[in-house]
Amino acid sequence: MKPEHDIDTAPGGLTVWRNIFGGSIIWGRLKFFVFIGAFLLIGGLIVAFVPI
């Protein structure tokens, strides 16, 4: 659980998201996964189209 805690308390981590979005832990995690999902999607598109 230590790495999890570090992620939550890191600058720009989930604690910051919670403060911005009204303090909901679930909402903070949702935003976190949405951000990662968007990052992977954009990264995948770049990898797909750059070689062409």
Protein backbone atom coordinates (compact mmCIF):
# COMPACT_ATOMS: atom_id res chain seq x y z
CA MET A 1 0.00 0.00 0.00
CA LYS A 2 3.03 2.28 0.28
CA PRO A 3 3.33 3.07 -3.45
CA GLU A 4 -0.42 3.69 -3.53
CA HIS A 5 -0.05 6.18 -0.69
CA ASP A 6 2.86 7.90 -2.45
CA ILE A 7 0.75 8.31 -5.58
CA ASP A 8 -2.10 9.78 -3.55
CA THR A 9 0.10 12.29 -1.72
CA ALA A 10 2.50 13.23 -4.53
CA PRO A 11 2.30 16.75 -5.97
CA GLY A 12 -0.16 16.53 -8.84
CA GLY A 13 -1.39 13.26 -7.38
CA LEU A 14 -4.87 12.11 -6.50
CA THR A 15 -5.09 14.32 -3.41
CA VAL A 16 -4.80 17.36 -5.67
CA TRP A 17 -7.48 15.94 -7.99
CA ARG A 18 -9.74 15.40 -4.97
CA ASN A 19 -9.32 18.99 -3.86
CA ILE A 20 -10.06 20.30 -7.36
CA PHE A 21 -13.08 18.08 -7.96
CA GLY A 22 -14.79 18.41 -4.59
CA GLY A 23 -12.94 15.88 -2.45
CA SER A 24 -14.42 12.67 -3.85
CA ILE A 25 -11.91 9.82 -3.75
CA ILE A 26 -13.84 7.88 -6.40
CA TRP A 27 -14.02 10.93 -8.67
CA GLY A 28 -10.28 11.51 -8.15
CA ARG A 29 -9.48 7.96 -9.17
CA LEU A 30 -11.86 8.18 -12.12
CA LYS A 31 -10.09 11.31 -13.35
CA PHE A 32 -6.74 9.57 -12.81
CA PHE A 33 -7.76 6.62 -14.99
CA VAL A 34 -9.35 8.90 -17.60
CA PHE A 35 -6.05 10.81 -17.80
CA ILE A 36 -4.03 7.60 -18.19
CA GLY A 37 -6.51 6.29 -20.77
CA ALA A 38 -6.31 9.50 -22.79
CA PHE A 39 -2.51 9.43 -22.57
CA LEU A 40 -2.35 5.84 -23.83
CA LEU A 41 -4.86 6.58 -26.60
CA ILE A 42 -2.90 9.60 -27.83
CA GLY A 43 0.37 7.66 -27.51
CA GLY A 44 -1.12 4.79 -29.51
CA LEU A 45 -2.29 7.14 -32.26
CA ILE A 46 1.15 8.75 -32.46
CA VAL A 47 2.85 5.34 -32.72
CA ALA A 48 0.31 4.24 -35.35
CA PHE A 49 0.61 7.29 -37.61
CA VAL A 50 4.26 8.37 -37.25
CA PRO A 51 5.75 5.49 -39.34
CA ILE A 52 3.41 6.26 -42.27
